[in-house]
N, C-alpha and C. Protein backbone atom coordinates (compact mmCIF):
# COMPACT_ATOMS: atom_id res chain seq x y z
N UNK A 1 84.34 117.02 74.13
CA UNK A 1 84.18 116.29 72.80
C UNK A 1 83.09 116.53 71.89
N UNK A 2 82.19 117.13 72.18
CA UNK A 2 81.23 117.06 71.34
C UNK A 2 81.63 118.08 70.31
N UNK A 3 81.87 119.53 71.13
CA UNK A 3 81.84 120.79 70.02
C UNK A 3 82.95 120.19 69.23
N UNK A 4 84.26 119.13 69.64
CA UNK A 4 85.18 119.09 68.93
C UNK A 4 85.09 118.03 67.55
N UNK A 5 83.74 117.47 67.79
CA UNK A 5 82.92 116.10 66.78
C UNK A 5 82.59 117.05 65.76
N UNK A 6 81.50 117.98 65.84
CA UNK A 6 80.82 118.97 65.26
C UNK A 6 82.01 119.96 64.32
N UNK A 7 83.26 120.09 64.98
CA UNK A 7 84.06 120.66 63.71
C UNK A 7 84.84 119.93 63.31
N UNK A 8 84.58 118.35 63.22
CA UNK A 8 85.43 117.57 62.64
C UNK A 8 84.44 117.09 61.31
N UNK A 9 83.22 117.37 61.61
CA UNK A 9 82.21 117.23 60.53
C UNK A 9 82.24 118.23 59.79
N UNK A 10 82.29 119.58 60.08
CA UNK A 10 82.28 120.94 59.52
C UNK A 10 83.41 120.70 58.71
N UNK A 11 84.04 120.28 59.07
CA UNK A 11 85.93 120.08 58.37
C UNK A 11 85.30 119.38 56.83
N UNK A 12 84.37 118.23 56.70
CA UNK A 12 84.12 117.53 55.88
C UNK A 12 84.44 116.32 56.60
N UNK A 13 85.31 116.09 57.50
CA UNK A 13 85.64 114.12 57.50
C UNK A 13 84.49 113.65 57.45
N UNK A 14 84.67 112.21 57.18
CA UNK A 14 83.49 110.95 56.75
C UNK A 14 83.10 110.59 58.00
N UNK A 15 83.64 110.61 59.23
CA UNK A 15 83.67 110.35 61.02
C UNK A 15 84.57 111.03 61.84
N UNK A 16 83.71 110.45 62.96
CA UNK A 16 84.82 110.62 64.44
C UNK A 16 84.89 109.76 64.72
N UNK A 17 86.26 109.40 65.69
CA UNK A 17 86.41 108.35 66.19
C UNK A 17 86.88 109.02 68.00
N UNK A 18 86.24 108.31 68.90
CA UNK A 18 85.66 108.66 70.72
C UNK A 18 87.31 107.68 70.67
N UNK A 19 88.42 107.73 71.49
CA UNK A 19 89.62 106.71 72.03
C UNK A 19 89.58 106.79 73.18
N UNK A 20 89.31 105.15 73.35
CA UNK A 20 89.27 105.11 74.56
C UNK A 20 90.04 103.80 75.03
N UNK A 21 91.02 103.68 74.31
CA UNK A 21 91.92 102.59 74.35
C UNK A 21 93.35 102.96 74.81
N UNK A 22 93.94 101.94 75.74
CA UNK A 22 94.92 101.68 76.13
C UNK A 22 94.97 102.18 77.33
N UNK A 23 94.49 101.83 78.76
CA UNK A 23 94.52 102.13 79.64
C UNK A 23 94.83 103.75 79.80
N UNK A 24 95.74 103.73 80.82
CA UNK A 24 95.79 105.38 81.39
C UNK A 24 96.03 106.30 80.25
N UNK A 25 96.40 106.22 79.07
CA UNK A 25 96.68 107.03 77.79
C UNK A 25 96.02 108.16 77.51
N UNK A 26 94.44 107.96 77.85
CA UNK A 26 93.71 109.18 77.98
C UNK A 26 92.53 109.09 78.77
N UNK A 27 92.09 110.00 79.38
CA UNK A 27 90.72 109.65 80.32
C UNK A 27 89.68 109.04 79.81
N UNK A 28 89.58 108.87 78.75
CA UNK A 28 88.15 107.91 79.05
C UNK A 28 88.39 106.02 79.01
N UNK A 29 90.06 106.28 78.41
CA UNK A 29 90.50 104.95 78.75
C UNK A 29 90.68 104.61 80.14
N UNK A 30 91.31 105.72 81.12
CA UNK A 30 91.09 105.49 82.40
C UNK A 30 89.60 104.83 83.33
N UNK A 31 88.82 105.99 82.77
CA UNK A 31 87.14 105.19 83.14
C UNK A 31 87.39 103.72 82.78
N UNK A 32 87.59 103.73 81.80
CA UNK A 32 86.91 101.98 81.21
C UNK A 32 87.69 101.39 81.91
N UNK A 33 88.92 101.47 82.34
CA UNK A 33 89.74 100.23 82.68
C UNK A 33 89.71 100.04 84.05
N UNK A 34 89.08 98.88 84.61
CA UNK A 34 89.40 98.43 85.98
C UNK A 34 90.60 98.18 86.57
N UNK A 35 92.09 98.56 85.97
CA UNK A 35 92.98 98.75 86.52
C UNK A 35 93.51 100.23 86.77
N UNK A 36 92.82 100.69 86.26
CA UNK A 36 92.88 102.34 86.38
C UNK A 36 91.78 102.76 87.14
N UNK A 37 90.56 102.63 86.86
CA UNK A 37 89.38 103.43 87.88
C UNK A 37 89.33 102.28 88.86
N UNK A 38 89.28 102.87 89.87
CA UNK A 38 89.21 102.20 91.59
C UNK A 38 88.30 103.16 92.19
N UNK A 39 87.63 103.99 91.45
CA UNK A 39 86.04 104.93 91.90
C UNK A 39 85.04 103.58 92.27
N UNK A 40 84.46 104.70 93.54
CA UNK A 40 83.45 103.66 94.21
C UNK A 40 81.99 104.80 94.17
N UNK A 41 82.07 105.39 93.40
CA UNK A 41 80.86 105.99 92.88
C UNK A 41 80.37 105.52 91.98
N UNK A 42 79.25 106.14 91.39
CA UNK A 42 78.51 105.98 89.70
C UNK A 42 79.84 106.14 88.53
N UNK A 43 80.94 105.66 88.47
CA UNK A 43 81.73 106.44 87.68
C UNK A 43 82.28 105.11 87.74
N UNK A 44 82.43 104.07 88.74
CA UNK A 44 83.12 102.99 88.98
C UNK A 44 82.86 101.96 89.39
N UNK A 45 83.47 101.09 89.51
CA UNK A 45 83.13 99.69 89.89
C UNK A 45 82.34 98.19 88.64
N UNK A 46 81.02 98.88 88.42
CA UNK A 46 80.64 98.06 87.39
C UNK A 46 80.94 98.17 85.97
N UNK A 47 80.41 97.26 85.63
CA UNK A 47 80.81 98.05 83.79
C UNK A 47 80.42 99.02 83.14
N UNK A 48 78.91 98.83 83.94
CA UNK A 48 78.22 99.85 83.18
C UNK A 48 78.52 101.31 83.90
N UNK A 49 78.98 101.83 85.46
CA UNK A 49 79.10 102.57 85.80
C UNK A 49 80.73 103.17 84.81
N UNK A 50 81.54 101.94 84.95
CA UNK A 50 82.57 102.76 84.08
C UNK A 50 82.38 102.80 82.82
N UNK A 51 81.49 102.39 82.09
CA UNK A 51 81.39 103.13 80.85
C UNK A 51 80.40 103.99 80.94
N UNK A 52 80.61 104.92 81.90
CA UNK A 52 79.20 105.82 81.81
C UNK A 52 79.86 106.88 81.17
N UNK A 53 81.01 107.24 81.69
CA UNK A 53 81.60 108.65 80.96
C UNK A 53 82.01 108.66 79.39
N UNK A 54 82.27 107.61 79.02
CA UNK A 54 81.91 106.84 77.68
C UNK A 54 80.20 107.43 77.18
N UNK A 55 79.77 106.22 77.81
CA UNK A 55 78.39 106.53 76.73
C UNK A 55 77.79 108.25 76.95
N UNK A 56 77.76 108.98 77.83
CA UNK A 56 77.45 110.04 78.40
C UNK A 56 78.56 111.22 77.04
N UNK A 57 79.40 111.10 77.25
CA UNK A 57 80.43 111.79 75.71
C UNK A 57 79.58 111.24 74.34
N UNK A 58 79.24 110.13 73.99
CA UNK A 58 78.82 109.35 72.79
C UNK A 58 77.56 110.34 72.61
N UNK A 59 76.86 110.88 73.88
CA UNK A 59 75.39 111.11 73.73
C UNK A 59 75.74 112.29 73.15
N UNK A 60 76.28 113.34 73.55
CA UNK A 60 76.71 114.64 73.71
C UNK A 60 77.43 114.76 72.31
N UNK A 61 78.39 114.10 71.65
CA UNK A 61 78.85 113.70 70.32
C UNK A 61 77.52 113.66 69.43
N UNK A 62 77.09 112.79 69.53
CA UNK A 62 75.71 112.23 68.54
C UNK A 62 74.87 113.57 68.24
N UNK A 63 74.35 114.30 69.52
CA UNK A 63 73.33 115.60 70.09
C UNK A 63 74.41 116.42 68.86
N UNK A 64 75.19 116.67 68.90
CA UNK A 64 76.02 117.65 67.87
C UNK A 64 75.94 117.24 66.41
N UNK A 65 76.88 115.83 66.35
CA UNK A 65 76.88 115.87 64.57
C UNK A 65 75.79 114.70 64.45
N UNK A 66 74.34 114.59 64.79
CA UNK A 66 73.43 114.34 64.35
C UNK A 66 73.78 112.77 63.94
N UNK A 67 72.30 111.85 63.64
CA UNK A 67 72.60 110.69 63.54
C UNK A 67 72.82 110.32 62.38
N UNK A 68 73.45 110.64 60.99
CA UNK A 68 73.91 110.52 59.67
C UNK A 68 75.28 111.01 59.86
N UNK A 69 75.98 110.78 60.91
CA UNK A 69 77.64 111.09 60.63
C UNK A 69 78.17 109.92 61.48
N UNK A 70 78.98 109.17 61.01
CA UNK A 70 79.56 107.67 61.65
C UNK A 70 80.53 108.26 63.06
N UNK A 71 80.42 107.57 64.21
CA UNK A 71 81.01 107.93 65.47
C UNK A 71 81.65 106.44 65.40
N UNK A 72 82.88 106.09 65.85
CA UNK A 72 84.18 105.46 66.00
C UNK A 72 83.71 105.10 67.50
N UNK A 73 84.65 103.68 68.03
CA UNK A 73 85.17 104.34 69.42
C UNK A 73 86.05 103.09 69.36
N UNK A 74 87.54 103.57 69.67
CA UNK A 74 88.61 102.61 69.74
C UNK A 74 88.75 102.24 71.23
N UNK A 75 88.61 101.08 71.21
CA UNK A 75 89.05 100.32 72.98
C UNK A 75 89.66 99.39 72.70
N UNK A 76 90.77 99.02 74.13
CA UNK A 76 91.46 97.93 74.24
C UNK A 76 90.59 96.57 74.70
N UNK A 77 90.31 96.10 74.07
CA UNK A 77 89.43 94.88 74.16
C UNK A 77 90.22 93.83 74.97
N UNK A 78 91.46 93.48 75.54
CA UNK A 78 92.24 93.42 76.61
C UNK A 78 93.30 94.47 76.43
N UNK A 79 92.98 94.81 77.79
CA UNK A 79 94.52 95.35 78.09
C UNK A 79 95.96 94.42 78.75
N UNK A 80 95.86 93.14 78.03
CA UNK A 80 96.94 92.65 78.49
C UNK A 80 96.62 92.76 80.11
N UNK A 81 96.89 92.65 81.21
CA UNK A 81 96.70 92.35 82.55
C UNK A 81 96.17 91.56 83.28
N UNK A 82 95.69 90.53 82.53
CA UNK A 82 95.20 89.48 83.32
C UNK A 82 93.85 89.96 83.46
N UNK A 83 93.55 89.61 85.15
CA UNK A 83 91.88 89.98 85.91
C UNK A 83 92.46 90.73 86.35
N UNK A 84 93.22 92.03 85.91
CA UNK A 84 93.15 93.45 86.43
C UNK A 84 92.48 94.77 85.64
N UNK A 85 92.61 94.14 84.23
CA UNK A 85 92.78 95.06 83.32
C UNK A 85 91.08 94.23 82.51
N UNK A 86 91.24 95.01 81.33
CA UNK A 86 89.59 94.26 80.81
C UNK A 86 90.38 93.42 80.17
N UNK A 87 89.57 92.29 80.26
CA UNK A 87 89.64 90.90 79.33
C UNK A 87 88.85 90.64 78.04
N UNK A 88 89.83 90.29 77.23
CA UNK A 88 88.68 89.97 75.93
C UNK A 88 87.16 89.45 76.25
N UNK A 89 87.10 88.58 77.32
CA UNK A 89 85.17 88.09 77.74
C UNK A 89 85.03 89.37 78.16
N UNK A 90 85.55 90.40 79.02
CA UNK A 90 84.94 91.27 79.58
C UNK A 90 84.57 92.27 78.38
N UNK A 91 85.24 92.50 77.42
CA UNK A 91 85.12 92.92 75.78
C UNK A 91 83.43 92.05 75.52
N UNK A 92 83.61 91.09 74.93
CA UNK A 92 82.41 90.45 74.38
C UNK A 92 81.69 90.48 75.34
N UNK A 93 81.26 90.37 76.65
CA UNK A 93 79.90 90.06 76.82
C UNK A 93 79.98 92.04 78.22
N UNK A 94 79.89 92.63 78.25
CA UNK A 94 79.81 93.82 79.03
C UNK A 94 80.45 95.16 78.22
N UNK A 95 81.46 95.31 77.39
CA UNK A 95 81.48 96.66 76.77
C UNK A 95 81.27 96.64 75.34
N UNK A 96 81.14 95.50 74.69
CA UNK A 96 80.78 95.72 73.30
C UNK A 96 79.06 96.18 73.58
N UNK A 97 78.48 94.98 74.41
CA UNK A 97 76.91 95.53 74.37
C UNK A 97 76.31 96.80 74.82
N UNK A 98 77.17 97.36 75.73
CA UNK A 98 77.05 98.51 76.23
C UNK A 98 77.08 100.20 74.75
N UNK A 99 78.58 99.55 74.01
CA UNK A 99 78.78 100.56 73.34
C UNK A 99 77.55 100.54 72.30
N UNK A 100 77.21 99.15 72.23
CA UNK A 100 75.96 99.42 70.70
C UNK A 100 74.81 99.64 71.48
N UNK A 101 74.49 99.96 72.12
CA UNK A 101 73.26 100.35 72.78
C UNK A 101 73.48 102.25 73.41
N UNK A 102 74.65 102.58 73.07
CA UNK A 102 75.24 103.80 73.01
C UNK A 102 74.94 104.40 71.46
N UNK A 103 74.66 103.56 70.17
CA UNK A 103 74.60 103.72 69.57
C UNK A 103 76.02 104.57 68.29
N UNK A 104 76.97 103.50 68.81
CA UNK A 104 78.38 103.61 68.39
C UNK A 104 77.79 102.87 66.66
N UNK A 105 79.06 103.45 65.51
CA UNK A 105 78.47 102.93 64.00
C UNK A 105 79.62 101.74 63.93
N UNK A 106 80.91 101.89 65.07
CA UNK A 106 81.92 101.12 64.17
C UNK A 106 82.89 100.33 65.58
N UNK A 107 83.42 100.00 65.97
CA UNK A 107 83.93 99.43 66.58
C UNK A 107 85.67 99.21 66.60
N UNK A 108 86.74 99.99 66.75
CA UNK A 108 88.22 99.75 66.49
C UNK A 108 88.71 99.19 67.75
N UNK A 109 89.10 97.88 67.78
CA UNK A 109 89.52 97.05 68.26
C UNK A 109 90.99 96.93 68.49
N UNK A 110 91.60 97.62 69.33
CA UNK A 110 93.24 97.77 70.01
C UNK A 110 93.10 96.63 70.93
N UNK A 111 94.98 96.88 71.66
CA UNK A 111 94.66 95.87 73.10
C UNK A 111 95.92 96.57 73.75
N UNK A 112 96.27 96.14 74.97
CA UNK A 112 96.80 96.74 75.46
C UNK A 112 97.21 97.92 76.50
N UNK A 113 98.24 98.37 77.41
CA UNK A 113 97.83 99.64 78.35
C UNK A 113 99.06 99.98 77.95
N UNK A 114 98.92 101.68 77.81
CA UNK A 114 100.36 102.37 77.49
C UNK A 114 101.08 102.44 78.39
N UNK A 115 101.08 101.79 79.67
CA UNK A 115 102.00 102.06 80.73
C UNK A 115 102.31 100.80 81.03
N UNK A 116 101.72 99.30 81.29
CA UNK A 116 101.51 98.83 82.19
C UNK A 116 101.38 97.26 81.16
N UNK A 117 101.71 96.94 80.13
CA UNK A 117 101.86 96.19 79.19
C UNK A 117 102.57 96.66 78.23
N UNK A 118 103.97 95.43 78.37
CA UNK A 118 105.42 96.01 77.09
C UNK A 118 104.65 95.69 75.58
N UNK A 119 103.53 94.91 75.55
CA UNK A 119 103.22 94.36 74.48
C UNK A 119 101.94 94.91 74.19
N UNK A 120 101.84 96.24 74.32
CA UNK A 120 100.44 96.99 74.05
C UNK A 120 100.46 97.47 73.05
N UNK A 121 100.29 98.79 72.96
CA UNK A 121 99.98 99.47 71.57
C UNK A 121 101.40 100.00 70.66
N UNK A 122 102.05 99.38 71.53
CA UNK A 122 103.10 99.53 70.40
C UNK A 122 104.00 98.48 70.33
N UNK A 123 103.52 97.22 69.20
CA UNK A 123 103.83 95.89 69.50
C UNK A 123 105.76 95.50 69.58
N UNK A 124 106.12 95.43 70.09
CA UNK A 124 107.49 94.93 69.48
C UNK A 124 107.55 94.48 68.12
N UNK A 125 108.34 94.88 67.58
CA UNK A 125 108.78 94.50 66.13
C UNK A 125 109.10 92.87 66.71
N UNK A 126 109.58 92.24 67.49
CA UNK A 126 109.50 90.59 67.23
C UNK A 126 108.89 89.73 67.45
N UNK A 127 107.08 90.64 67.75
CA UNK A 127 106.21 90.02 67.76
C UNK A 127 105.55 89.82 66.23
N UNK A 128 105.17 88.27 66.44
CA UNK A 128 104.44 87.85 65.35
C UNK A 128 103.47 88.90 64.31
N UNK A 129 103.66 88.79 62.75
CA UNK A 129 102.27 89.43 62.36
C UNK A 129 101.17 89.21 62.80
N UNK A 130 100.01 90.29 63.12
CA UNK A 130 98.78 89.91 62.75
C UNK A 130 99.34 89.47 64.26
N UNK A 131 99.43 89.82 65.78
CA UNK A 131 99.70 89.11 66.62
C UNK A 131 97.88 89.03 67.59
N UNK A 132 97.26 90.25 67.10
CA UNK A 132 96.02 90.23 68.41
C UNK A 132 95.17 90.63 67.97
N UNK A 133 95.39 90.03 66.04
CA UNK A 133 94.12 90.39 65.84
C UNK A 133 92.58 89.17 66.01
N UNK A 134 93.29 87.85 67.06
CA UNK A 134 91.98 87.42 67.13
C UNK A 134 91.34 88.10 68.44
N UNK A 135 91.72 89.13 68.80
CA UNK A 135 90.66 90.11 69.93
C UNK A 135 89.65 90.65 68.80
N UNK A 136 89.64 91.32 67.95
CA UNK A 136 89.05 91.66 66.88
C UNK A 136 87.95 90.42 66.68
N UNK A 137 88.31 89.15 65.61
CA UNK A 137 87.62 88.32 65.88
C UNK A 137 86.57 87.91 66.90
N UNK A 138 87.56 88.36 68.11
CA UNK A 138 86.36 87.99 69.50
C UNK A 138 85.33 89.05 69.24
N UNK A 139 85.42 90.28 69.13
CA UNK A 139 84.40 90.94 69.05
C UNK A 139 84.10 91.12 67.77
N UNK A 140 84.12 90.37 66.30
CA UNK A 140 83.01 90.53 66.12
C UNK A 140 81.83 89.71 65.79
N UNK A 141 82.53 88.70 66.53
CA UNK A 141 81.57 87.36 67.01
C UNK A 141 80.48 87.86 68.01
N UNK A 142 80.73 88.93 69.11
CA UNK A 142 79.87 89.19 69.84
C UNK A 142 79.33 91.06 69.54
N UNK A 143 78.96 91.16 68.16
CA UNK A 143 78.44 92.41 67.71
C UNK A 143 78.01 91.94 66.29
N UNK A 144 77.23 93.29 65.90
CA UNK A 144 76.44 93.23 64.83
C UNK A 144 77.29 94.27 63.79
N UNK A 145 78.35 95.06 64.68
CA UNK A 145 78.33 96.40 63.74
C UNK A 145 79.81 96.00 63.26
N UNK A 146 80.29 97.19 62.41
CA UNK A 146 81.31 96.67 61.56
C UNK A 146 82.60 96.66 62.91
N UNK A 147 83.73 96.00 62.39
CA UNK A 147 84.52 95.88 63.29
C UNK A 147 86.00 95.99 62.50
N UNK A 148 86.83 96.80 63.22
CA UNK A 148 88.19 97.24 63.02
C UNK A 148 89.52 95.98 63.65
N UNK A 149 90.35 96.27 63.05
CA UNK A 149 91.41 95.11 63.44
C UNK A 149 92.69 96.08 63.43
N UNK A 150 93.42 95.38 64.11
CA UNK A 150 95.51 96.21 64.50
C UNK A 150 96.14 95.74 64.73
N UNK A 151 97.40 95.56 64.91
CA UNK A 151 98.20 94.31 65.68
C UNK A 151 99.03 94.15 64.71
N UNK A 152 100.63 94.66 63.92
CA UNK A 152 101.53 94.57 63.45
C UNK A 152 100.78 93.77 61.73
N UNK A 153 99.75 94.36 61.52
CA UNK A 153 99.60 94.24 59.68
C UNK A 153 100.54 94.84 58.96
N UNK A 154 101.58 94.67 58.64
CA UNK A 154 102.18 95.51 57.85
C UNK A 154 102.16 95.52 56.22
N UNK A 155 100.85 94.49 55.68
CA UNK A 155 101.00 94.81 54.39
C UNK A 155 99.02 94.17 53.77
N UNK A 156 99.14 94.91 52.72
CA UNK A 156 97.82 94.66 51.99
C UNK A 156 97.38 93.63 52.19
N UNK A 157 98.65 92.33 51.92
CA UNK A 157 98.48 91.27 51.53
C UNK A 157 97.36 90.23 52.64
N UNK A 158 98.15 90.96 53.93
CA UNK A 158 98.07 90.22 55.37
C UNK A 158 96.45 90.83 55.50
N UNK A 159 96.05 92.13 55.37
CA UNK A 159 95.43 92.69 55.41
C UNK A 159 94.17 92.02 54.91
N UNK A 160 94.05 91.65 53.41
CA UNK A 160 93.05 90.86 52.54
C UNK A 160 92.78 89.26 53.48
N UNK A 161 93.57 88.88 53.93
CA UNK A 161 93.48 87.74 54.61
C UNK A 161 93.21 87.61 55.30
N UNK A 162 93.10 88.75 56.23
CA UNK A 162 92.00 88.86 57.73
C UNK A 162 90.56 89.24 57.53
N UNK A 163 90.49 89.94 56.19
CA UNK A 163 89.28 90.49 56.10
C UNK A 163 88.41 89.15 55.01
N UNK A 164 88.81 88.11 54.74
CA UNK A 164 88.59 87.47 54.14
C UNK A 164 87.66 85.99 55.14
N UNK A 165 88.80 86.42 56.08
CA UNK A 165 88.78 85.10 57.24
C UNK A 165 87.49 85.21 57.63
N UNK A 166 87.33 87.08 58.18
CA UNK A 166 85.92 87.03 58.44
C UNK A 166 86.61 87.56 60.18
N UNK A 167 87.76 88.28 60.62
CA UNK A 167 88.59 88.37 61.63
C UNK A 167 87.93 89.89 61.88
N UNK A 168 87.64 90.64 60.75
CA UNK A 168 87.65 91.49 61.15
C UNK A 168 87.13 92.66 59.41
N UNK A 169 86.25 93.85 59.56
CA UNK A 169 85.36 94.23 58.45
C UNK A 169 86.27 95.36 58.00
N UNK A 170 87.66 96.34 58.49
CA UNK A 170 88.22 97.20 58.19
C UNK A 170 89.62 96.81 58.83
N UNK A 171 90.79 97.25 58.37
CA UNK A 171 92.20 97.50 58.64
C UNK A 171 92.88 98.35 59.04
N UNK A 172 93.88 98.67 59.65
CA UNK A 172 94.31 100.05 60.16
C UNK A 172 95.77 99.06 59.97
N UNK A 173 96.48 100.09 59.46
CA UNK A 173 98.10 99.90 59.27
C UNK A 173 98.51 100.98 59.79
N UNK A 174 97.97 101.44 60.89
CA UNK A 174 98.64 102.49 61.61
C UNK A 174 100.66 102.14 61.67
N UNK A 175 101.32 101.83 62.06
CA UNK A 175 102.69 101.03 63.27
C UNK A 175 103.30 101.94 60.78
N UNK A 176 102.29 100.53 60.05
CA UNK A 176 103.22 100.55 58.94
C UNK A 176 103.12 102.01 58.18
N UNK A 177 102.46 102.53 58.55
CA UNK A 177 102.11 103.56 57.36
C UNK A 177 103.38 105.25 57.86
N UNK A 178 103.42 104.96 59.43
CA UNK A 178 104.79 105.35 59.93
C UNK A 178 105.84 104.96 59.53
N UNK A 179 106.28 103.97 59.61
CA UNK A 179 107.34 103.69 58.88
C UNK A 179 107.56 103.60 57.78
N UNK A 180 106.48 103.88 56.71
CA UNK A 180 106.74 103.56 55.50
C UNK A 180 105.33 104.06 54.94
N UNK A 181 105.28 105.68 55.15
CA UNK A 181 104.01 106.14 54.26
C UNK A 181 104.19 106.04 52.80
N UNK A 182 105.05 105.48 52.12
CA UNK A 182 104.91 105.03 50.46
C UNK A 182 103.86 103.62 50.07
N UNK A 183 103.46 103.00 51.37
CA UNK A 183 102.67 101.51 51.41
C UNK A 183 101.60 101.49 50.60
N UNK A 184 100.98 102.60 50.61
CA UNK A 184 99.40 102.47 49.64
C UNK A 184 99.98 102.28 48.66
N UNK A 185 101.28 103.58 47.88
CA UNK A 185 101.57 103.60 46.57
C UNK A 185 102.60 102.23 45.97
């Protein structure tokens, strides 16, 4: 991944993001999640251990891209699995401080577990708009870093409202842009 981050920088992108969200969706998320990570070695158990692989990856990415290139981390602030998974309290008390210490520049706050929370990363359309922005707001209270908010934010007015309320510093419109790529126009 560190070599990929270097290629991202060389290609002229403005930043790189390490995806650690949605439970078993990817290797880094699997290490972070108590639901998936049941290891008993230095990469399992405590929050320090479960974040170790992420912290090591971030250190290598930083070594390659340098101090002047932003690194973002996307993580599920709540896996929506109750105490079996990551909770918002876990994120605020444990994950956020570890990511800050690791030198992350921006926190991209998502939710859910790709295979075990039906309302997870692909939020059903019958859920209210902005239904999970509270997670970004809770993380924002726990950090000095910029926070990205997501979760059925379907238009710019709603995004502006979230920003003006101080619940996030940036807004992602992923599903909306897939549904209608002309939204910005």
